[in-house]
Amino acid sequence: AAEAARAGATVAGGDTASFDAVLLAVTGLGDL
């Protein structure tokens, strides 16, 4: 959230699951 805010963006949603290691998939959206 802090890094998104530094860019002027917001964490808008996503999903969570259990796994045996940490895996993050991040989709970024932007305005031209």
PDB file of all heavy atoms in Angstrom:
ATOM      1  N   ALA A   1       0.818  -1.215   0.000  1.00  0.00           N
ATOM      2  CA  ALA A   1       0.000   0.000   0.000  1.00  0.00           C
ATOM      3  C   ALA A   1       0.846   1.257   0.000  1.00  0.00           C
ATOM      4  O   ALA A   1       0.533   2.238  -0.680  1.00  0.00           O
ATOM      5  CB  ALA A   1      -0.932  -0.018   1.210  1.00  0.00           C
ATOM      6  N   ALA A   2       1.940   1.240   0.763  1.00  0.00           N
ATOM      7  CA  ALA A   2       2.792   2.425   0.847  1.00  0.00           C
ATOM      8  C   ALA A   2       3.448   2.728  -0.490  1.00  0.00           C
ATOM      9  O   ALA A   2       3.523   3.885  -0.919  1.00  0.00           O
ATOM     10  CB  ALA A   2       3.839   2.244   1.938  1.00  0.00           C
ATOM     11  N   GLU A   3       3.948   1.686  -1.178  1.00  0.00           N
ATOM     12  CA  GLU A   3       4.593   1.931  -2.471  1.00  0.00           C
ATOM     13  C   GLU A   3       3.566   2.346  -3.517  1.00  0.00           C
ATOM     14  O   GLU A   3       3.834   3.210  -4.363  1.00  0.00           O
ATOM     15  CB  GLU A   3       5.358   0.697  -2.934  1.00  0.00           C
ATOM     16  CG  GLU A   3       6.225   0.925  -4.158  1.00  0.00           C
ATOM     17  CD  GLU A   3       7.289   1.982  -3.957  1.00  0.00           C
ATOM     18  OE1 GLU A   3       7.761   2.170  -2.810  1.00  0.00           O
ATOM     19  OE2 GLU A   3       7.671   2.643  -4.958  1.00  0.00           O
ATOM     20  N   ALA A   4       2.381   1.745  -3.475  1.00  0.00           N
ATOM     21  CA  ALA A   4       1.328   2.179  -4.388  1.00  0.00           C
ATOM     22  C   ALA A   4       0.988   3.646  -4.156  1.00  0.00           C
ATOM     23  O   ALA A   4       0.846   4.426  -5.108  1.00  0.00           O
ATOM     24  CB  ALA A   4       0.087   1.303  -4.215  1.00  0.00           C
ATOM     25  N   ALA A   5       0.877   4.030  -2.889  1.00  0.00           N
ATOM     26  CA  ALA A   5       0.557   5.424  -2.575  1.00  0.00           C
ATOM     27  C   ALA A   5       1.648   6.366  -3.056  1.00  0.00           C
ATOM     28  O   ALA A   5       1.366   7.480  -3.514  1.00  0.00           O
ATOM     29  CB  ALA A   5       0.338   5.577  -1.070  1.00  0.00           C
ATOM     30  N   ARG A   6       2.922   5.934  -2.975  1.00  0.00           N
ATOM     31  CA  ARG A   6       4.019   6.782  -3.454  1.00  0.00           C
ATOM     32  C   ARG A   6       3.887   7.066  -4.943  1.00  0.00           C
ATOM     33  O   ARG A   6       4.297   8.121  -5.429  1.00  0.00           O
ATOM     34  CB  ARG A   6       5.365   6.100  -3.169  1.00  0.00           C
ATOM     35  CG  ARG A   6       6.568   7.028  -3.294  1.00  0.00           C
ATOM     36  CD  ARG A   6       7.876   6.324  -2.948  1.00  0.00           C
ATOM     37  NE  ARG A   6       8.295   5.397  -3.966  1.00  0.00           N
ATOM     38  CZ  ARG A   6       8.958   5.754  -5.083  1.00  0.00           C
ATOM     39  NH1 ARG A   6       9.253   7.027  -5.298  1.00  0.00           N
ATOM     40  NH2 ARG A   6       9.313   4.854  -5.976  1.00  0.00           N
ATOM     41  N   ALA A   7       3.293   6.120  -5.673  1.00  0.00           N
ATOM     42  CA  ALA A   7       3.079   6.302  -7.105  1.00  0.00           C
ATOM     43  C   ALA A   7       1.750   6.974  -7.413  1.00  0.00           C
ATOM     44  O   ALA A   7       1.442   7.209  -8.577  1.00  0.00           O
ATOM     45  CB  ALA A   7       3.142   4.951  -7.808  1.00  0.00           C
ATOM     46  N   GLY A   8       0.953   7.254  -6.377  1.00  0.00           N
ATOM     47  CA  GLY A   8      -0.371   7.836  -6.592  1.00  0.00           C
ATOM     48  C   GLY A   8      -1.427   6.806  -6.929  1.00  0.00           C
ATOM     49  O   GLY A   8      -2.491   7.154  -7.454  1.00  0.00           O
ATOM     50  N   ALA A   9      -1.153   5.529  -6.634  1.00  0.00           N
ATOM     51  CA  ALA A   9      -2.075   4.443  -6.965  1.00  0.00           C
ATOM     52  C   ALA A   9      -2.680   3.849  -5.698  1.00  0.00           C
ATOM     53  O   ALA A   9      -2.338   4.227  -4.580  1.00  0.00           O
ATOM     54  CB  ALA A   9      -1.349   3.363  -7.768  1.00  0.00           C
ATOM     55  N   THR A  10      -3.568   2.874  -5.885  1.00  0.00           N
ATOM     56  CA  THR A  10      -4.290   2.237  -4.788  1.00  0.00           C
ATOM     57  C   THR A  10      -4.305   0.727  -5.003  1.00  0.00           C
ATOM     58  O   THR A  10      -4.397   0.268  -6.141  1.00  0.00           O
ATOM     59  CB  THR A  10      -5.754   2.737  -4.750  1.00  0.00           C
ATOM     60  OG1 THR A  10      -5.770   4.151  -4.607  1.00  0.00           O
ATOM     61  CG2 THR A  10      -6.513   2.116  -3.587  1.00  0.00           C
ATOM     62  N   VAL A  11      -4.184  -0.051  -3.921  1.00  0.00           N
ATOM     63  CA  VAL A  11      -4.414  -1.490  -4.008  1.00  0.00           C
ATOM     64  C   VAL A  11      -5.918  -1.707  -4.049  1.00  0.00           C
ATOM     65  O   VAL A  11      -6.629  -1.455  -3.071  1.00  0.00           O
ATOM     66  CB  VAL A  11      -3.783  -2.240  -2.816  1.00  0.00           C
ATOM     67  CG1 VAL A  11      -4.073  -3.735  -2.921  1.00  0.00           C
ATOM     68  CG2 VAL A  11      -2.277  -2.000  -2.761  1.00  0.00           C
ATOM     69  N   ALA A  12      -6.428  -2.163  -5.208  1.00  0.00           N
ATOM     70  CA  ALA A  12      -7.874  -2.186  -5.439  1.00  0.00           C
ATOM     71  C   ALA A  12      -8.510  -3.534  -5.176  1.00  0.00           C
ATOM     72  O   ALA A  12      -9.738  -3.629  -5.100  1.00  0.00           O
ATOM     73  CB  ALA A  12      -8.169  -1.759  -6.882  1.00  0.00           C
ATOM     74  N   GLY A  13      -7.725  -4.614  -5.038  1.00  0.00           N
ATOM     75  CA  GLY A  13      -8.318  -5.920  -4.784  1.00  0.00           C
ATOM     76  C   GLY A  13      -7.351  -7.025  -5.130  1.00  0.00           C
ATOM     77  O   GLY A  13      -6.156  -6.787  -5.348  1.00  0.00           O
ATOM     78  N   GLY A  14      -7.855  -8.275  -5.183  1.00  0.00           N
ATOM     79  CA  GLY A  14      -7.017  -9.416  -5.503  1.00  0.00           C
ATOM     80  C   GLY A  14      -7.532 -10.692  -4.889  1.00  0.00           C
ATOM     81  O   GLY A  14      -8.743 -10.875  -4.752  1.00  0.00           O
ATOM     82  N   ASP A  15      -6.623 -11.571  -4.457  1.00  0.00           N
ATOM     83  CA  ASP A  15      -7.021 -12.874  -3.913  1.00  0.00           C
ATOM     84  C   ASP A  15      -5.908 -13.410  -3.030  1.00  0.00           C
ATOM     85  O   ASP A  15      -4.752 -12.939  -3.088  1.00  0.00           O
ATOM     86  CB  ASP A  15      -7.290 -13.846  -5.066  1.00  0.00           C
ATOM     87  CG  ASP A  15      -8.144 -15.034  -4.638  1.00  0.00           C
ATOM     88  OD1 ASP A  15      -8.633 -15.029  -3.485  1.00  0.00           O
ATOM     89  OD2 ASP A  15      -8.320 -15.956  -5.455  1.00  0.00           O
ATOM     90  N   THR A  16      -6.243 -14.395  -2.192  1.00  0.00           N
ATOM     91  CA  THR A  16      -5.268 -15.043  -1.318  1.00  0.00           C
ATOM     92  C   THR A  16      -5.435 -16.554  -1.394  1.00  0.00           C
ATOM     93  O   THR A  16      -6.520 -17.059  -1.701  1.00  0.00           O
ATOM     94  CB  THR A  16      -5.423 -14.596   0.147  1.00  0.00           C
ATOM     95  OG1 THR A  16      -6.771 -14.870   0.573  1.00  0.00           O
ATOM     96  CG2 THR A  16      -5.136 -13.119   0.307  1.00  0.00           C
ATOM     97  N   ALA A  17      -4.350 -17.279  -1.112  1.00  0.00           N
ATOM     98  CA  ALA A  17      -4.392 -18.738  -1.093  1.00  0.00           C
ATOM     99  C   ALA A  17      -3.257 -19.244  -0.222  1.00  0.00           C
ATOM    100  O   ALA A  17      -2.299 -18.519   0.062  1.00  0.00           O
ATOM    101  CB  ALA A  17      -4.277 -19.303  -2.504  1.00  0.00           C
ATOM    102  N   SER A  18      -3.360 -20.495   0.200  1.00  0.00           N
ATOM    103  CA  SER A  18      -2.301 -21.146   0.967  1.00  0.00           C
ATOM    104  C   SER A  18      -1.373 -21.896   0.019  1.00  0.00           C
ATOM    105  O   SER A  18      -1.817 -22.552  -0.927  1.00  0.00           O
ATOM    106  CB  SER A  18      -2.918 -22.120   1.969  1.00  0.00           C
ATOM    107  OG  SER A  18      -1.907 -22.819   2.669  1.00  0.00           O
ATOM    108  N   PHE A  19      -0.050 -21.769   0.279  1.00  0.00           N
ATOM    109  CA  PHE A  19       0.949 -22.439  -0.548  1.00  0.00           C
ATOM    110  C   PHE A  19       2.175 -22.660   0.324  1.00  0.00           C
ATOM    111  O   PHE A  19       2.296 -22.074   1.407  1.00  0.00           O
ATOM    112  CB  PHE A  19       1.269 -21.576  -1.777  1.00  0.00           C
ATOM    113  CG  PHE A  19       2.112 -22.261  -2.814  1.00  0.00           C
ATOM    114  CD1 PHE A  19       1.706 -23.455  -3.395  1.00  0.00           C
ATOM    115  CD2 PHE A  19       3.314 -21.711  -3.222  1.00  0.00           C
ATOM    116  CE1 PHE A  19       2.484 -24.082  -4.347  1.00  0.00           C
ATOM    117  CE2 PHE A  19       4.095 -22.331  -4.180  1.00  0.00           C
ATOM    118  CZ  PHE A  19       3.678 -23.521  -4.747  1.00  0.00           C
ATOM    119  N   ASP A  20       3.120 -23.482  -0.137  1.00  0.00           N
ATOM    120  CA  ASP A  20       4.267 -23.803   0.707  1.00  0.00           C
ATOM    121  C   ASP A  20       5.408 -22.795   0.597  1.00  0.00           C
ATOM    122  O   ASP A  20       6.446 -22.955   1.232  1.00  0.00           O
ATOM    123  CB  ASP A  20       4.788 -25.211   0.410  1.00  0.00           C
ATOM    124  CG  ASP A  20       5.151 -25.413  -1.053  1.00  0.00           C
ATOM    125  OD1 ASP A  20       5.092 -24.432  -1.833  1.00  0.00           O
ATOM    126  OD2 ASP A  20       5.497 -26.559  -1.420  1.00  0.00           O
ATOM    127  N   ALA A  21       5.260 -21.762  -0.206  1.00  0.00           N
ATOM    128  CA  ALA A  21       6.215 -20.660  -0.293  1.00  0.00           C
ATOM    129  C   ALA A  21       5.423 -19.398  -0.585  1.00  0.00           C
ATOM    130  O   ALA A  21       4.225 -19.460  -0.902  1.00  0.00           O
ATOM    131  CB  ALA A  21       7.247 -20.914  -1.383  1.00  0.00           C
ATOM    132  N   VAL A  22       6.094 -18.253  -0.481  1.00  0.00           N
ATOM    133  CA  VAL A  22       5.417 -16.993  -0.759  1.00  0.00           C
ATOM    134  C   VAL A  22       5.486 -16.709  -2.250  1.00  0.00           C
ATOM    135  O   VAL A  22       6.558 -16.714  -2.864  1.00  0.00           O
ATOM    136  CB  VAL A  22       6.057 -15.830   0.024  1.00  0.00           C
ATOM    137  CG1 VAL A  22       5.376 -14.512  -0.332  1.00  0.00           C
ATOM    138  CG2 VAL A  22       5.957 -16.079   1.527  1.00  0.00           C
ATOM    139  N   LEU A  23       4.335 -16.457  -2.839  1.00  0.00           N
ATOM    140  CA  LEU A  23       4.216 -16.116  -4.250  1.00  0.00           C
ATOM    141  C   LEU A  23       3.279 -14.925  -4.381  1.00  0.00           C
ATOM    142  O   LEU A  23       2.157 -14.949  -3.871  1.00  0.00           O
ATOM    143  CB  LEU A  23       3.656 -17.305  -5.040  1.00  0.00           C
ATOM    144  CG  LEU A  23       3.210 -17.047  -6.486  1.00  0.00           C
ATOM    145  CD1 LEU A  23       4.398 -16.641  -7.343  1.00  0.00           C
ATOM    146  CD2 LEU A  23       2.529 -18.286  -7.058  1.00  0.00           C
ATOM    147  N   LEU A  24       3.755 -13.879  -5.037  1.00  0.00           N
ATOM    148  CA  LEU A  24       2.945 -12.684  -5.268  1.00  0.00           C
ATOM    149  C   LEU A  24       2.809 -12.459  -6.761  1.00  0.00           C
ATOM    150  O   LEU A  24       3.799 -12.479  -7.498  1.00  0.00           O
ATOM    151  CB  LEU A  24       3.607 -11.452  -4.638  1.00  0.00           C
ATOM    152  CG  LEU A  24       3.394 -11.224  -3.146  1.00  0.00           C
ATOM    153  CD1 LEU A  24       4.505 -10.325  -2.600  1.00  0.00           C
ATOM    154  CD2 LEU A  24       2.041 -10.580  -2.902  1.00  0.00           C
ATOM    155  N   ALA A  25       1.591 -12.254  -7.218  1.00  0.00           N
ATOM    156  CA  ALA A  25       1.338 -11.858  -8.605  1.00  0.00           C
ATOM    157  C   ALA A  25       0.630 -10.516  -8.549  1.00  0.00           C
ATOM    158  O   ALA A  25      -0.455 -10.406  -7.961  1.00  0.00           O
ATOM    159  CB  ALA A  25       0.489 -12.891  -9.326  1.00  0.00           C
ATOM    160  N   VAL A  26       1.240  -9.510  -9.113  1.00  0.00           N
ATOM    161  CA  VAL A  26       0.721  -8.145  -9.015  1.00  0.00           C
ATOM    162  C   VAL A  26       0.401  -7.625 -10.404  1.00  0.00           C
ATOM    163  O   VAL A  26       1.259  -7.636 -11.295  1.00  0.00           O
ATOM    164  CB  VAL A  26       1.727  -7.206  -8.331  1.00  0.00           C
ATOM    165  CG1 VAL A  26       1.167  -5.791  -8.242  1.00  0.00           C
ATOM    166  CG2 VAL A  26       2.080  -7.722  -6.941  1.00  0.00           C
ATOM    167  N   THR A  27      -0.821  -7.190 -10.595  1.00  0.00           N
ATOM    168  CA  THR A  27      -1.247  -6.542 -11.832  1.00  0.00           C
ATOM    169  C   THR A  27      -1.296  -5.043 -11.601  1.00  0.00           C
ATOM    170  O   THR A  27      -1.927  -4.585 -10.645  1.00  0.00           O
ATOM    171  CB  THR A  27      -2.625  -7.054 -12.278  1.00  0.00           C
ATOM    172  OG1 THR A  27      -2.530  -8.438 -12.577  1.00  0.00           O
ATOM    173  CG2 THR A  27      -3.114  -6.307 -13.508  1.00  0.00           C
ATOM    174  N   GLY A  28      -0.617  -4.299 -12.451  1.00  0.00           N
ATOM    175  CA  GLY A  28      -0.640  -2.845 -12.363  1.00  0.00           C
ATOM    176  C   GLY A  28      -1.478  -2.250 -13.470  1.00  0.00           C
ATOM    177  O   GLY A  28      -1.443  -2.726 -14.615  1.00  0.00           O
ATOM    178  N   LEU A  29      -2.237  -1.217 -13.138  1.00  0.00           N
ATOM    179  CA  LEU A  29      -3.090  -0.525 -14.099  1.00  0.00           C
ATOM    180  C   LEU A  29      -2.699   0.947 -14.145  1.00  0.00           C
ATOM    181  O   LEU A  29      -2.270   1.512 -13.132  1.00  0.00           O
ATOM    182  CB  LEU A  29      -4.561  -0.671 -13.720  1.00  0.00           C
ATOM    183  CG  LEU A  29      -5.070  -2.111 -13.543  1.00  0.00           C
ATOM    184  CD1 LEU A  29      -6.506  -2.099 -13.038  1.00  0.00           C
ATOM    185  CD2 LEU A  29      -4.973  -2.881 -14.853  1.00  0.00           C
ATOM    186  N   GLY A  30      -2.842   1.568 -15.310  1.00  0.00           N
ATOM    187  CA  GLY A  30      -2.442   2.961 -15.432  1.00  0.00           C
ATOM    188  C   GLY A  30      -3.270   3.727 -16.439  1.00  0.00           C
ATOM    189  O   GLY A  30      -3.997   3.148 -17.259  1.00  0.00           O
ATOM    190  N   ASP A  31      -3.127   5.044 -16.399  1.00  0.00           N
ATOM    191  CA  ASP A  31      -3.904   5.983 -17.204  1.00  0.00           C
ATOM    192  C   ASP A  31      -2.948   6.798 -18.075  1.00  0.00           C
ATOM    193  O   ASP A  31      -2.020   7.433 -17.568  1.00  0.00           O
ATOM    194  CB  ASP A  31      -4.684   6.909 -16.252  1.00  0.00           C
ATOM    195  CG  ASP A  31      -5.510   7.956 -16.986  1.00  0.00           C
ATOM    196  OD1 ASP A  31      -5.651   7.875 -18.220  1.00  0.00           O
ATOM    197  OD2 ASP A  31      -6.022   8.866 -16.308  1.00  0.00           O
ATOM    198  N   LEU A  32      -3.167   6.793 -19.383  1.00  0.00           N
ATOM    199  CA  LEU A  32      -2.324   7.552 -20.304  1.00  0.00           C
ATOM    200  C   LEU A  32      -2.676   9.036 -20.356  1.00  0.00           C
ATOM    201  O   LEU A  32      -1.935   9.829 -20.952  1.00  0.00           O
ATOM    202  CB  LEU A  32      -2.412   6.949 -21.708  1.00  0.00           C
ATOM    203  CG  LEU A  32      -1.706   5.604 -21.879  1.00  0.00           C
ATOM    204  CD1 LEU A  32      -2.177   4.917 -23.157  1.00  0.00           C
ATOM    205  CD2 LEU A  32      -0.204   5.785 -21.906  1.00  0.00           C
TER     206      LEU A  32
END
